[in-house]
Amino acid sequence: FDETEVADWFNKLADKDVFIELKVDGVSYSALYEDGVLVRGLTRGSGISGEDITENLKTIADIPKRLSGDFPKIIEVRGEVYMLRDDFLKLNDLASEKGEKIFANPRNAAAGSLRQLNPEITATRRLSAFAYTYGALSTRTWATQSEYFDKLESWGFKTTRKWTHHADNME
């Protein structure tokens, strides 16, 4: 769409509340919390079944191991794991120095890191993450996506609403 078409679309929504989310090309994750504790992490996989990445998710600082505040008894939080360009370049420089295979792009580096069998290797890869939606849920106390982002942030997640990375450090 060009600028005029986008402006026309927004004008049609003038009387509506709109919540726009930033798109980051990362790797989808699902984190299941029971009583506020991270108990399982999965990749999206085929869309039907994914890989267990629980221990690898626990190495990512942006994904809380324990929720804070007021949270549902059971909640599956979904988000994206990604790698900033600077971290990607450092990873490939190190791999090149060691004579190891380099990654084609930050998304592949993030995906390969999440699927590592050794979480200690994942922990060295400087992965970032944000949350944006939910799956399984015992109770819902929010009505809008904006309210859900408030909840996510109160539980300890990063969201794209308060984006702190600069666009020049993204793929």
N, C-alpha and C. Protein backbone atom coordinates (compact mmCIF):
# COMPACT_ATOMS: atom_id res chain seq x y z
N PHE A 1 0.84 -1.18 0.00
CA PHE A 1 0.00 0.00 0.00
C PHE A 1 0.88 1.24 0.00
N ASP A 2 0.40 2.29 -0.64
CA ASP A 2 1.15 3.54 -0.59
C ASP A 2 0.60 4.40 0.56
N GLU A 3 1.22 5.54 0.80
CA GLU A 3 0.83 6.39 1.93
C GLU A 3 -0.62 6.83 1.88
N THR A 4 -1.12 7.14 0.69
CA THR A 4 -2.51 7.59 0.54
C THR A 4 -3.47 6.48 0.93
N GLU A 5 -3.20 5.26 0.48
CA GLU A 5 -4.08 4.13 0.81
C GLU A 5 -4.08 3.84 2.32
N VAL A 6 -2.92 3.95 2.95
CA VAL A 6 -2.84 3.73 4.39
C VAL A 6 -3.59 4.84 5.12
N ALA A 7 -3.41 6.09 4.69
CA ALA A 7 -4.12 7.21 5.31
C ALA A 7 -5.63 7.04 5.15
N ASP A 8 -6.08 6.62 3.98
CA ASP A 8 -7.52 6.39 3.76
C ASP A 8 -8.04 5.30 4.70
N TRP A 9 -7.26 4.24 4.87
CA TRP A 9 -7.67 3.15 5.76
C TRP A 9 -7.79 3.65 7.19
N PHE A 10 -6.81 4.45 7.66
CA PHE A 10 -6.89 5.00 9.01
C PHE A 10 -8.06 5.96 9.16
N ASN A 11 -8.35 6.73 8.15
CA ASN A 11 -9.49 7.66 8.22
C ASN A 11 -10.81 6.91 8.40
N LYS A 12 -10.92 5.74 7.80
CA LYS A 12 -12.12 4.91 7.98
C LYS A 12 -12.26 4.43 9.42
N LEU A 13 -11.15 4.38 10.14
CA LEU A 13 -11.14 3.90 11.51
C LEU A 13 -11.13 5.03 12.54
N ALA A 14 -11.39 6.25 12.10
CA ALA A 14 -11.26 7.42 12.96
C ALA A 14 -12.05 7.32 14.26
N ASP A 15 -13.16 6.61 14.23
CA ASP A 15 -13.99 6.50 15.44
C ASP A 15 -13.69 5.22 16.24
N LYS A 16 -12.64 4.51 15.89
CA LYS A 16 -12.28 3.25 16.55
C LYS A 16 -10.95 3.39 17.29
N ASP A 17 -10.80 2.57 18.33
CA ASP A 17 -9.50 2.46 18.99
C ASP A 17 -8.67 1.48 18.17
N VAL A 18 -7.42 1.83 17.91
CA VAL A 18 -6.54 1.00 17.11
C VAL A 18 -5.28 0.70 17.91
N PHE A 19 -4.86 -0.54 17.88
CA PHE A 19 -3.63 -0.97 18.54
C PHE A 19 -2.75 -1.61 17.48
N ILE A 20 -1.63 -0.99 17.18
CA ILE A 20 -0.75 -1.48 16.13
C ILE A 20 0.51 -2.04 16.78
N GLU A 21 0.88 -3.24 16.35
CA GLU A 21 2.07 -3.89 16.91
C GLU A 21 3.19 -3.95 15.88
N LEU A 22 4.39 -3.74 16.36
CA LEU A 22 5.58 -3.84 15.54
C LEU A 22 5.81 -5.30 15.17
N LYS A 23 6.19 -5.55 13.94
CA LYS A 23 6.49 -6.91 13.48
C LYS A 23 8.00 -7.10 13.49
N VAL A 24 8.46 -8.12 14.19
CA VAL A 24 9.87 -8.48 14.23
C VAL A 24 9.97 -9.90 13.70
N ASP A 25 10.87 -10.13 12.77
CA ASP A 25 11.02 -11.46 12.17
C ASP A 25 11.90 -12.30 13.06
N GLY A 26 11.26 -12.94 14.02
CA GLY A 26 11.97 -13.81 14.93
C GLY A 26 11.45 -15.23 14.83
N VAL A 27 11.61 -15.97 15.91
CA VAL A 27 11.16 -17.34 15.99
C VAL A 27 10.08 -17.40 17.07
N SER A 28 8.93 -17.92 16.73
CA SER A 28 7.82 -17.99 17.68
C SER A 28 8.13 -18.94 18.82
N TYR A 29 7.71 -18.54 20.01
CA TYR A 29 7.82 -19.43 21.16
C TYR A 29 6.50 -19.41 21.92
N SER A 30 6.31 -20.47 22.69
CA SER A 30 5.17 -20.58 23.58
C SER A 30 5.71 -20.98 24.94
N ALA A 31 5.34 -20.22 25.98
CA ALA A 31 5.82 -20.50 27.33
C ALA A 31 4.62 -20.73 28.23
N LEU A 32 4.54 -21.92 28.82
CA LEU A 32 3.42 -22.26 29.69
C LEU A 32 3.83 -22.00 31.14
N TYR A 33 2.99 -21.23 31.84
CA TYR A 33 3.20 -20.92 33.25
C TYR A 33 2.07 -21.52 34.07
N GLU A 34 2.45 -22.19 35.14
CA GLU A 34 1.48 -22.71 36.11
C GLU A 34 1.82 -22.11 37.45
N ASP A 35 0.85 -21.47 38.07
CA ASP A 35 1.07 -20.77 39.34
C ASP A 35 2.24 -19.80 39.23
N GLY A 36 2.39 -19.19 38.05
CA GLY A 36 3.42 -18.18 37.84
C GLY A 36 4.80 -18.70 37.52
N VAL A 37 4.97 -20.02 37.42
CA VAL A 37 6.28 -20.61 37.17
C VAL A 37 6.33 -21.17 35.74
N LEU A 38 7.41 -20.85 35.03
CA LEU A 38 7.60 -21.39 33.68
C LEU A 38 7.83 -22.89 33.77
N VAL A 39 6.89 -23.66 33.20
CA VAL A 39 6.99 -25.13 33.29
C VAL A 39 7.29 -25.78 31.94
N ARG A 40 7.00 -25.08 30.82
CA ARG A 40 7.25 -25.68 29.52
C ARG A 40 7.39 -24.58 28.47
N GLY A 41 8.35 -24.81 27.59
CA GLY A 41 8.54 -23.92 26.45
C GLY A 41 8.58 -24.73 25.18
N LEU A 42 7.91 -24.24 24.15
CA LEU A 42 7.84 -24.96 22.89
C LEU A 42 8.06 -24.02 21.72
N THR A 43 8.57 -24.57 20.61
CA THR A 43 8.58 -23.85 19.35
C THR A 43 7.22 -24.09 18.70
N ARG A 44 6.92 -23.30 17.69
CA ARG A 44 5.67 -23.51 16.96
C ARG A 44 5.76 -24.78 16.13
N GLY A 45 6.95 -25.12 15.67
CA GLY A 45 7.13 -26.34 14.89
C GLY A 45 6.29 -26.35 13.65
N SER A 46 5.56 -27.42 13.45
CA SER A 46 4.73 -27.59 12.25
C SER A 46 3.40 -26.86 12.37
N GLY A 47 3.13 -26.27 13.51
CA GLY A 47 1.83 -25.67 13.76
C GLY A 47 0.94 -26.61 14.53
N ILE A 48 1.29 -27.88 14.54
CA ILE A 48 0.56 -28.89 15.29
C ILE A 48 1.39 -29.36 16.48
N SER A 49 2.65 -29.60 16.23
CA SER A 49 3.54 -29.99 17.32
C SER A 49 4.87 -29.26 17.16
N GLY A 50 5.46 -28.90 18.30
CA GLY A 50 6.72 -28.19 18.30
C GLY A 50 7.76 -28.93 19.12
N GLU A 51 8.92 -28.32 19.23
CA GLU A 51 10.00 -28.91 20.00
C GLU A 51 10.02 -28.32 21.40
N ASP A 52 10.41 -29.14 22.37
CA ASP A 52 10.54 -28.70 23.74
C ASP A 52 11.81 -27.87 23.86
N ILE A 53 11.67 -26.59 24.19
CA ILE A 53 12.81 -25.68 24.33
C ILE A 53 12.80 -25.03 25.72
N THR A 54 12.20 -25.72 26.68
CA THR A 54 12.03 -25.16 28.02
C THR A 54 13.34 -24.65 28.59
N GLU A 55 14.37 -25.48 28.61
CA GLU A 55 15.63 -25.09 29.23
C GLU A 55 16.30 -23.95 28.47
N ASN A 56 16.14 -23.91 27.16
CA ASN A 56 16.71 -22.83 26.36
C ASN A 56 15.99 -21.51 26.62
N LEU A 57 14.65 -21.54 26.76
CA LEU A 57 13.92 -20.31 27.08
C LEU A 57 14.37 -19.74 28.41
N LYS A 58 14.70 -20.62 29.35
CA LYS A 58 15.13 -20.17 30.67
C LYS A 58 16.45 -19.40 30.63
N THR A 59 17.19 -19.50 29.53
CA THR A 59 18.46 -18.77 29.42
C THR A 59 18.28 -17.36 28.87
N ILE A 60 17.07 -17.02 28.45
CA ILE A 60 16.82 -15.71 27.83
C ILE A 60 16.29 -14.75 28.88
N ALA A 61 17.04 -13.70 29.14
CA ALA A 61 16.71 -12.76 30.21
C ALA A 61 15.34 -12.11 30.02
N ASP A 62 14.89 -11.93 28.78
CA ASP A 62 13.62 -11.26 28.51
C ASP A 62 12.40 -12.14 28.80
N ILE A 63 12.62 -13.42 29.09
CA ILE A 63 11.51 -14.34 29.37
C ILE A 63 11.59 -14.72 30.85
N PRO A 64 10.62 -14.24 31.66
CA PRO A 64 10.69 -14.52 33.10
C PRO A 64 10.51 -16.00 33.41
N LYS A 65 11.28 -16.47 34.37
CA LYS A 65 11.13 -17.85 34.84
C LYS A 65 9.98 -17.93 35.84
N ARG A 66 9.69 -16.80 36.48
CA ARG A 66 8.58 -16.70 37.43
C ARG A 66 7.89 -15.36 37.18
N LEU A 67 6.57 -15.39 37.06
CA LEU A 67 5.80 -14.17 36.83
C LEU A 67 5.68 -13.37 38.13
N SER A 68 5.59 -12.07 37.99
CA SER A 68 5.35 -11.22 39.16
C SER A 68 3.94 -10.66 39.06
N GLY A 69 3.46 -10.12 40.16
CA GLY A 69 2.15 -9.48 40.15
C GLY A 69 0.99 -10.45 40.17
N ASP A 70 -0.13 -10.01 39.59
CA ASP A 70 -1.38 -10.75 39.57
C ASP A 70 -1.52 -11.47 38.23
N PHE A 71 -1.42 -12.78 38.23
CA PHE A 71 -1.43 -13.56 36.99
C PHE A 71 -2.42 -14.72 37.11
N PRO A 72 -2.90 -15.23 35.96
CA PRO A 72 -3.80 -16.39 35.99
C PRO A 72 -3.08 -17.64 36.51
N LYS A 73 -3.82 -18.58 37.03
CA LYS A 73 -3.24 -19.83 37.53
C LYS A 73 -2.49 -20.55 36.41
N ILE A 74 -3.07 -20.54 35.22
CA ILE A 74 -2.43 -21.14 34.04
C ILE A 74 -2.50 -20.13 32.91
N ILE A 75 -1.35 -19.89 32.28
CA ILE A 75 -1.33 -19.04 31.08
C ILE A 75 -0.19 -19.46 30.18
N GLU A 76 -0.52 -19.55 28.91
CA GLU A 76 0.47 -19.82 27.87
C GLU A 76 0.75 -18.48 27.19
N VAL A 77 1.96 -17.98 27.37
CA VAL A 77 2.36 -16.71 26.76
C VAL A 77 3.11 -17.01 25.48
N ARG A 78 2.74 -16.31 24.42
CA ARG A 78 3.39 -16.51 23.13
C ARG A 78 4.13 -15.24 22.72
N GLY A 79 5.24 -15.45 22.04
CA GLY A 79 6.04 -14.31 21.61
C GLY A 79 7.05 -14.69 20.55
N GLU A 80 8.05 -13.82 20.40
CA GLU A 80 9.10 -14.01 19.41
C GLU A 80 10.46 -13.93 20.09
N VAL A 81 11.34 -14.81 19.70
CA VAL A 81 12.75 -14.74 20.08
C VAL A 81 13.49 -14.25 18.85
N TYR A 82 14.40 -13.33 19.04
CA TYR A 82 15.15 -12.76 17.92
C TYR A 82 16.56 -12.43 18.37
N MET A 83 17.39 -12.08 17.40
CA MET A 83 18.75 -11.69 17.69
C MET A 83 19.01 -10.33 17.04
N LEU A 84 19.52 -9.41 17.83
CA LEU A 84 19.89 -8.10 17.30
C LEU A 84 21.06 -8.25 16.33
N ARG A 85 21.12 -7.38 15.36
CA ARG A 85 22.16 -7.46 14.33
C ARG A 85 23.56 -7.45 14.92
N ASP A 86 23.84 -6.57 15.89
CA ASP A 86 25.17 -6.52 16.50
C ASP A 86 25.54 -7.86 17.14
N ASP A 87 24.57 -8.48 17.83
CA ASP A 87 24.82 -9.77 18.45
C ASP A 87 25.03 -10.85 17.39
N PHE A 88 24.30 -10.78 16.30
CA PHE A 88 24.46 -11.70 15.18
C PHE A 88 25.85 -11.58 14.56
N LEU A 89 26.28 -10.35 14.33
CA LEU A 89 27.60 -10.14 13.73
C LEU A 89 28.71 -10.65 14.64
N LYS A 90 28.58 -10.42 15.95
CA LYS A 90 29.57 -10.93 16.90
C LYS A 90 29.60 -12.45 16.90
N LEU A 91 28.42 -13.08 16.86
CA LEU A 91 28.34 -14.54 16.84
C LEU A 91 29.03 -15.09 15.59
N ASN A 92 28.76 -14.49 14.44
CA ASN A 92 29.38 -14.97 13.20
C ASN A 92 30.88 -14.70 13.18
N ASP A 93 31.31 -13.57 13.72
CA ASP A 93 32.75 -13.29 13.80
C ASP A 93 33.46 -14.36 14.63
N LEU A 94 32.86 -14.71 15.76
CA LEU A 94 33.44 -15.73 16.63
C LEU A 94 33.47 -17.09 15.93
N ALA A 95 32.36 -17.43 15.26
CA ALA A 95 32.30 -18.70 14.53
C ALA A 95 33.36 -18.73 13.43
N SER A 96 33.52 -17.64 12.73
CA SER A 96 34.51 -17.55 11.66
C SER A 96 35.92 -17.73 12.21
N GLU A 97 36.22 -17.08 13.33
CA GLU A 97 37.54 -17.22 13.97
C GLU A 97 37.82 -18.66 14.35
N LYS A 98 36.79 -19.39 14.75
CA LYS A 98 36.96 -20.79 15.17
C LYS A 98 36.88 -21.76 13.99
N GLY A 99 36.60 -21.22 12.79
CA GLY A 99 36.46 -22.09 11.62
C GLY A 99 35.14 -22.82 11.57
N GLU A 100 34.16 -22.32 12.31
CA GLU A 100 32.84 -22.95 12.35
C GLU A 100 31.93 -22.33 11.30
N LYS A 101 30.83 -23.02 11.03
CA LYS A 101 29.84 -22.53 10.08
C LYS A 101 29.22 -21.24 10.61
N ILE A 102 29.02 -20.26 9.71
CA ILE A 102 28.36 -19.02 10.11
C ILE A 102 26.89 -19.08 9.72
N PHE A 103 26.09 -18.28 10.42
CA PHE A 103 24.64 -18.24 10.15
C PHE A 103 24.34 -17.28 9.01
N ALA A 104 23.31 -17.58 8.23
CA ALA A 104 22.93 -16.77 7.08
C ALA A 104 22.31 -15.44 7.49
N ASN A 105 21.55 -15.42 8.60
CA ASN A 105 20.87 -14.20 9.02
C ASN A 105 20.50 -14.32 10.50
N PRO A 106 20.12 -13.21 11.14
CA PRO A 106 19.79 -13.26 12.57
C PRO A 106 18.63 -14.19 12.92
N ARG A 107 17.65 -14.32 12.04
CA ARG A 107 16.53 -15.22 12.32
C ARG A 107 17.00 -16.66 12.39
N ASN A 108 17.84 -17.06 11.43
CA ASN A 108 18.37 -18.43 11.45
C ASN A 108 19.24 -18.66 12.67
N ALA A 109 20.01 -17.64 13.07
CA ALA A 109 20.85 -17.77 14.26
C ALA A 109 19.99 -17.95 15.50
N ALA A 110 18.89 -17.18 15.59
CA ALA A 110 17.98 -17.31 16.74
C ALA A 110 17.32 -18.68 16.75
N ALA A 111 16.86 -19.14 15.58
CA ALA A 111 16.20 -20.44 15.49
C ALA A 111 17.17 -21.56 15.87
N GLY A 112 18.38 -21.51 15.33
CA GLY A 112 19.37 -22.53 15.65
C GLY A 112 19.74 -22.52 17.12
N SER A 113 19.80 -21.34 17.69
CA SER A 113 20.14 -21.21 19.11
C SER A 113 19.03 -21.77 20.00
N LEU A 114 17.78 -21.51 19.63
CA LEU A 114 16.65 -22.02 20.42
C LEU A 114 16.56 -23.54 20.37
N ARG A 115 16.99 -24.13 19.26
CA ARG A 115 16.87 -25.57 19.07
C ARG A 115 18.11 -26.33 19.53
N GLN A 116 19.07 -25.63 20.10
CA GLN A 116 20.28 -26.26 20.62
C GLN A 116 19.91 -27.33 21.65
N LEU A 117 20.63 -28.42 21.64
CA LEU A 117 20.41 -29.45 22.64
C LEU A 117 21.08 -29.09 23.96
N ASN A 118 22.04 -28.18 23.91
CA ASN A 118 22.77 -27.78 25.10
C ASN A 118 22.39 -26.34 25.47
N PRO A 119 21.62 -26.13 26.54
CA PRO A 119 21.20 -24.78 26.92
C PRO A 119 22.37 -23.86 27.27
N GLU A 120 23.52 -24.43 27.63
CA GLU A 120 24.69 -23.59 27.92
C GLU A 120 25.16 -22.87 26.66
N ILE A 121 25.02 -23.51 25.50
CA ILE A 121 25.37 -22.86 24.24
C ILE A 121 24.35 -21.77 23.94
N THR A 122 23.07 -22.09 24.13
CA THR A 122 22.01 -21.08 23.92
C THR A 122 22.28 -19.84 24.78
N ALA A 123 22.69 -20.04 26.01
CA ALA A 123 22.93 -18.93 26.94
C ALA A 123 24.02 -17.99 26.44
N THR A 124 24.93 -18.46 25.60
CA THR A 124 26.02 -17.61 25.11
C THR A 124 25.61 -16.80 23.88
N ARG A 125 24.44 -17.03 23.36
CA ARG A 125 24.05 -16.46 22.05
C ARG A 125 23.36 -15.10 22.11
N ARG A 126 23.14 -14.52 23.24
CA ARG A 126 22.53 -13.19 23.41
C ARG A 126 21.22 -13.04 22.64
N LEU A 127 20.27 -13.90 22.98
CA LEU A 127 18.95 -13.83 22.37
C LEU A 127 18.08 -12.82 23.10
N SER A 128 17.19 -12.19 22.37
CA SER A 128 16.21 -11.26 22.94
C SER A 128 14.82 -11.83 22.68
N ALA A 129 13.83 -11.32 23.41
CA ALA A 129 12.46 -11.82 23.21
C ALA A 129 11.45 -10.77 23.62
N PHE A 130 10.26 -10.90 23.08
CA PHE A 130 9.11 -10.13 23.53
C PHE A 130 7.88 -11.02 23.44
N ALA A 131 6.87 -10.65 24.21
CA ALA A 131 5.61 -11.39 24.22
C ALA A 131 4.53 -10.55 23.56
N TYR A 132 3.53 -11.21 22.97
CA TYR A 132 2.48 -10.43 22.30
C TYR A 132 1.09 -11.06 22.36
N THR A 133 0.97 -12.35 22.67
CA THR A 133 -0.37 -12.95 22.71
C THR A 133 -0.39 -14.09 23.73
N TYR A 134 -1.48 -14.81 23.76
CA TYR A 134 -1.63 -15.91 24.70
C TYR A 134 -2.35 -17.07 24.03
N GLY A 135 -2.20 -18.23 24.66
CA GLY A 135 -2.89 -19.43 24.20
C GLY A 135 -3.76 -19.93 25.33
N ALA A 136 -3.38 -21.07 25.90
CA ALA A 136 -4.14 -21.65 27.02
C ALA A 136 -4.21 -20.63 28.16
N LEU A 137 -5.35 -20.65 28.85
CA LEU A 137 -5.60 -19.61 29.85
C LEU A 137 -6.66 -20.08 30.83
N SER A 138 -6.40 -19.92 32.12
CA SER A 138 -7.40 -20.32 33.12
C SER A 138 -8.42 -19.21 33.37
N THR A 139 -7.98 -17.96 33.38
CA THR A 139 -8.90 -16.82 33.53
C THR A 139 -8.34 -15.63 32.77
N ARG A 140 -9.26 -14.82 32.26
CA ARG A 140 -8.85 -13.62 31.51
C ARG A 140 -9.41 -12.41 32.23
N THR A 141 -8.51 -11.47 32.56
CA THR A 141 -8.93 -10.27 33.29
C THR A 141 -8.71 -9.00 32.49
N TRP A 142 -8.51 -9.10 31.20
CA TRP A 142 -8.31 -7.94 30.34
C TRP A 142 -9.29 -8.01 29.18
N ALA A 143 -9.62 -6.83 28.65
CA ALA A 143 -10.59 -6.76 27.56
C ALA A 143 -9.95 -6.40 26.22
N THR A 144 -8.79 -5.73 26.26
CA THR A 144 -8.16 -5.26 25.03
C THR A 144 -6.71 -5.72 24.96
N GLN A 145 -6.14 -5.62 23.76
CA GLN A 145 -4.73 -5.97 23.59
C GLN A 145 -3.84 -5.03 24.39
N SER A 146 -4.22 -3.77 24.45
CA SER A 146 -3.44 -2.81 25.24
C SER A 146 -3.43 -3.20 26.72
N GLU A 147 -4.57 -3.63 27.24
CA GLU A 147 -4.64 -4.08 28.63
C GLU A 147 -3.82 -5.35 28.82
N TYR A 148 -3.81 -6.24 27.82
CA TYR A 148 -3.00 -7.45 27.91
C TYR A 148 -1.51 -7.09 27.95
N PHE A 149 -1.09 -6.11 27.14
CA PHE A 149 0.30 -5.67 27.18
C PHE A 149 0.65 -5.12 28.57
N ASP A 150 -0.31 -4.40 29.19
CA ASP A 150 -0.08 -3.95 30.57
C ASP A 150 0.19 -5.13 31.48
N LYS A 151 -0.62 -6.20 31.34
CA LYS A 151 -0.43 -7.40 32.15
C LYS A 151 0.93 -8.03 31.88
N LEU A 152 1.24 -8.22 30.59
CA LEU A 152 2.54 -8.82 30.23
C LEU A 152 3.69 -8.06 30.89
N GLU A 153 3.65 -6.75 30.77
CA GLU A 153 4.72 -5.93 31.34
C GLU A 153 4.76 -6.05 32.87
N SER A 154 3.60 -6.13 33.51
CA SER A 154 3.56 -6.27 34.97
C SER A 154 4.07 -7.65 35.41
N TRP A 155 3.95 -8.65 34.53
CA TRP A 155 4.43 -10.00 34.86
C TRP A 155 5.93 -10.14 34.62
N GLY A 156 6.54 -9.17 33.91
CA GLY A 156 7.98 -9.22 33.67
C GLY A 156 8.41 -9.42 32.24
N PHE A 157 7.45 -9.40 31.30
CA PHE A 157 7.79 -9.56 29.88
C PHE A 157 8.07 -8.22 29.23
N LYS A 158 8.86 -8.27 28.17
CA LYS A 158 9.02 -7.13 27.29
C LYS A 158 7.96 -7.26 26.20
N THR A 159 7.47 -6.12 25.74
CA THR A 159 6.55 -6.08 24.60
C THR A 159 7.12 -5.11 23.59
N THR A 160 6.51 -5.06 22.42
CA THR A 160 6.98 -4.10 21.42
C THR A 160 6.43 -2.70 21.66
N ARG A 161 5.53 -2.57 22.61
CA ARG A 161 4.95 -1.24 22.88
C ARG A 161 6.02 -0.29 23.41
N LYS A 162 6.89 -0.78 24.24
CA LYS A 162 7.96 0.05 24.78
C LYS A 162 9.28 -0.40 24.16
N TRP A 163 9.34 -0.31 22.86
CA TRP A 163 10.49 -0.80 22.10
C TRP A 163 11.73 -0.02 22.48
N THR A 164 12.78 -0.73 22.88
CA THR A 164 14.00 -0.07 23.32
C THR A 164 15.16 -0.27 22.36
N HIS A 165 14.97 -1.10 21.34
CA HIS A 165 16.05 -1.32 20.39
C HIS A 165 15.90 -0.35 19.22
N HIS A 166 17.00 0.07 18.69
CA HIS A 166 16.97 0.99 17.56
C HIS A 166 16.84 0.21 16.26
N ALA A 167 16.11 0.76 15.31
CA ALA A 167 15.88 0.09 14.04
C ALA A 167 17.18 -0.24 13.32
N ASP A 168 18.23 0.54 13.53
CA ASP A 168 19.49 0.27 12.83
C ASP A 168 20.21 -0.95 13.40
N ASN A 169 19.71 -1.53 14.47
CA ASN A 169 20.32 -2.73 15.04
C ASN A 169 19.46 -3.96 14.76
N MET A 170 18.50 -3.82 13.86
CA MET A 170 17.63 -4.94 13.50
C MET A 170 18.01 -5.40 12.10
N GLU A 171 17.65 -6.62 11.77
CA GLU A 171 17.90 -7.20 10.45
C GLU A 171 17.20 -6.37 9.39
